[in-house]
Amino acid sequence: MKVRKKPVIVDAVPFYKGLWEMKPDEYPMVSYWALTELVTPYPYIGTIEGPMKVSDGDYIIKGVNGEFYPCKPEIFEKTYEEAVSPSLTDDQHVVLESLKHYYSKSNYYDIRAGKEPMQAVDRMLLEAESDATGLSDVYYRLTEKQQFQVLAAFAEWGLSHE
């Protein structure tokens, strides 16, 4: 079976031992640890799997349950990318708020089902075509890219409110 990792946004920070030694508050999740007194202590993070060594350049990731763990840079670069949400224009915000409004009312318009995101899109487009609220001018000023950005923001909003 092939699976895809769910897209979740996590916090990550690169680790630098020199900075940690000067400003330990920058990395409160890191401590010193050694197996015995004969071994030089090294920085580690306590994880549910036990202590894990963290080295210069590793990324420290805060997981979805608030846990911390180190990740080697080469794995991090293959697995993660910066989560950048484009800032929306005023027109995009108007359309996004309209989608949120119609989503929250979607079971009002169709009693056969609960809230459905596509119903919100359909209702918003019907409203834009009827031009009863002035939404038409705002919606039709959006470029194709801006429309996709609004849909992405709507999806992100919806997924965070599940």
Protein backbone atom coordinates (compact mmCIF):
# COMPACT_ATOMS: atom_id res chain seq x y z
CA MET A 1 0.00 0.00 0.00
CA LYS A 2 1.27 3.47 -0.85
CA VAL A 3 0.38 6.34 1.45
CA ARG A 4 0.89 10.08 1.46
CA LYS A 5 1.84 11.98 4.58
CA LYS A 6 -0.95 14.35 5.63
CA PRO A 7 -0.06 17.97 5.04
CA VAL A 8 0.41 19.48 8.48
CA ILE A 9 2.27 22.63 9.39
CA VAL A 10 4.86 22.26 12.15
CA ASP A 11 7.40 24.60 13.71
CA ALA A 12 11.08 23.95 13.01
CA VAL A 13 14.28 25.73 13.98
CA PRO A 14 17.88 24.98 12.99
CA PHE A 15 20.13 24.00 15.92
CA TYR A 16 23.52 25.62 16.51
CA LYS A 17 25.47 24.32 19.48
CA GLY A 18 27.44 27.55 19.93
CA LEU A 19 24.27 29.63 20.10
CA TRP A 20 22.70 27.09 22.47
CA GLU A 21 25.70 27.26 24.82
CA MET A 22 25.56 31.09 24.84
CA LYS A 23 21.75 31.38 24.94
CA PRO A 24 20.20 28.16 26.23
CA ASP A 25 16.78 29.85 26.33
CA GLU A 26 16.80 29.76 22.51
CA TYR A 27 16.52 25.95 22.71
CA PRO A 28 14.66 25.09 25.94
CA MET A 29 13.99 21.56 24.67
CA VAL A 30 17.75 20.70 24.51
CA SER A 31 19.82 19.38 27.44
CA TYR A 32 23.23 17.75 27.97
CA TRP A 33 23.36 13.99 28.29
CA ALA A 34 26.02 11.28 28.55
CA LEU A 35 25.75 7.52 28.97
CA THR A 36 28.50 7.46 31.60
CA GLU A 37 30.90 9.88 33.26
CA LEU A 38 33.57 8.66 30.82
CA VAL A 39 31.71 9.94 27.77
CA THR A 40 31.68 13.61 26.81
CA PRO A 41 28.16 14.93 27.27
CA TYR A 42 26.34 16.00 24.14
CA PRO A 43 23.20 17.99 23.40
CA TYR A 44 20.06 15.87 23.27
CA ILE A 45 16.30 16.15 23.09
CA GLY A 46 14.12 13.95 25.24
CA THR A 47 11.65 12.20 22.94
CA ILE A 48 9.06 9.48 23.47
CA GLU A 49 11.60 7.09 21.92
CA GLY A 50 14.21 8.18 24.45
CA PRO A 51 17.06 10.73 24.29
CA MET A 52 18.06 11.72 20.77
CA LYS A 53 21.31 13.50 19.99
CA VAL A 54 21.03 16.83 18.21
CA SER A 55 24.00 18.14 16.20
CA ASP A 56 24.94 21.44 14.59
CA GLY A 57 22.74 22.08 11.57
CA ASP A 58 20.02 19.62 12.59
CA TYR A 59 16.50 20.98 12.62
CA ILE A 60 14.44 20.76 15.77
CA ILE A 61 10.84 20.07 14.86
CA LYS A 62 7.83 20.55 17.10
CA GLY A 63 5.39 17.76 16.25
CA VAL A 64 1.61 17.89 16.07
CA ASN A 65 1.31 16.80 19.72
CA GLY A 66 3.80 19.39 20.99
CA GLU A 67 6.71 16.94 21.13
CA PHE A 68 10.19 17.87 19.88
CA TYR A 69 12.57 15.78 17.82
CA PRO A 70 15.74 16.38 15.80
CA CYS A 71 15.90 15.95 12.03
CA LYS A 72 19.03 15.78 9.88
CA PRO A 73 19.27 18.60 7.31
CA GLU A 74 19.25 16.28 4.28
CA ILE A 75 16.05 14.57 5.49
CA PHE A 76 14.49 17.92 6.41
CA GLU A 77 15.14 19.35 2.92
CA LYS A 78 13.52 16.31 1.27
CA THR A 79 10.51 16.24 3.59
CA TYR A 80 9.62 19.84 4.44
CA GLU A 81 9.15 23.17 2.72
CA GLU A 82 8.41 26.56 4.16
CA ALA A 83 4.69 27.14 4.67
CA VAL A 84 4.05 30.51 3.10
CA SER A 85 0.52 31.76 2.81
CA PRO A 86 0.18 34.49 0.23
CA SER A 87 -1.25 37.68 1.60
CA LEU A 88 -4.66 38.28 0.08
CA THR A 89 -5.86 41.49 -1.54
CA ASP A 90 -8.94 43.31 -0.26
CA ASP A 91 -11.02 41.80 -3.08
CA GLN A 92 -9.76 38.33 -2.22
CA HIS A 93 -10.71 38.85 1.44
CA VAL A 94 -14.25 39.85 0.41
CA VAL A 95 -14.63 36.66 -1.63
CA LEU A 96 -13.06 34.53 1.11
CA GLU A 97 -15.40 35.96 3.75
CA SER A 98 -18.31 35.31 1.41
CA LEU A 99 -17.23 31.66 1.07
CA LYS A 100 -16.95 31.32 4.85
CA HIS A 101 -20.42 32.84 5.24
CA TYR A 102 -22.02 30.49 2.72
CA TYR A 103 -20.20 27.52 4.22
CA SER A 104 -21.57 28.30 7.68
CA LYS A 105 -25.06 28.52 6.12
CA SER A 106 -24.71 25.58 3.69
CA ASN A 107 -27.05 23.24 5.56
CA TYR A 108 -29.62 26.06 5.58
CA TYR A 109 -29.71 26.11 1.78
CA ASP A 110 -29.81 22.33 1.36
CA ILE A 111 -31.39 20.40 4.21
CA ARG A 112 -30.34 17.07 2.67
CA ALA A 113 -26.78 17.40 3.89
CA GLY A 114 -24.60 19.03 6.48
CA LYS A 115 -22.07 21.70 5.73
CA GLU A 116 -20.37 21.21 2.39
CA PRO A 117 -17.53 23.34 1.03
CA MET A 118 -18.64 22.99 -2.59
CA GLN A 119 -22.10 24.26 -1.69
CA ALA A 120 -20.44 27.40 -0.37
CA VAL A 121 -18.61 27.88 -3.67
CA ASP A 122 -21.83 27.28 -5.62
CA ARG A 123 -23.84 29.73 -3.49
CA MET A 124 -21.12 32.37 -3.69
CA LEU A 125 -21.00 32.07 -7.51
CA LEU A 126 -24.80 32.30 -7.75
CA GLU A 127 -24.68 35.41 -5.57
CA ALA A 128 -21.95 36.93 -7.73
CA GLU A 129 -24.00 36.31 -10.89
CA SER A 130 -27.17 37.79 -9.41
CA ASP A 131 -25.16 40.86 -8.34
CA ALA A 132 -27.58 41.44 -5.46
CA THR A 133 -24.75 42.28 -3.05
CA GLY A 134 -22.13 43.85 -5.30
CA LEU A 135 -20.04 40.70 -5.01
CA SER A 136 -20.00 40.41 -8.80
CA ASP A 137 -17.63 43.34 -9.31
CA VAL A 138 -15.25 42.09 -6.65
CA TYR A 139 -15.28 38.47 -7.82
CA TYR A 140 -14.77 39.25 -11.51
CA ARG A 141 -11.78 41.48 -10.77
CA LEU A 142 -9.87 38.47 -9.45
CA THR A 143 -7.36 36.83 -11.74
CA GLU A 144 -7.26 33.05 -12.09
CA LYS A 145 -4.26 32.92 -9.76
CA GLN A 146 -6.03 35.08 -7.19
CA GLN A 147 -9.07 32.79 -7.35
CA PHE A 148 -6.85 29.77 -6.64
CA GLN A 149 -5.29 31.66 -3.72
CA VAL A 150 -8.76 32.33 -2.29
CA LEU A 151 -9.69 28.66 -2.70
CA ALA A 152 -6.44 27.63 -0.98
CA ALA A 153 -7.12 30.03 1.90
CA PHE A 154 -10.71 28.72 2.14
CA ALA A 155 -9.43 25.13 2.24
CA GLU A 156 -6.84 26.00 4.89
CA TRP A 157 -9.51 27.74 6.96
CA GLY A 158 -11.91 24.81 6.57
CA LEU A 159 -9.31 22.21 7.52
CA SER A 160 -8.38 24.15 10.64
CA HIS A 161 -12.04 24.21 11.72
CA GLU A 162 -12.75 20.46 11.34
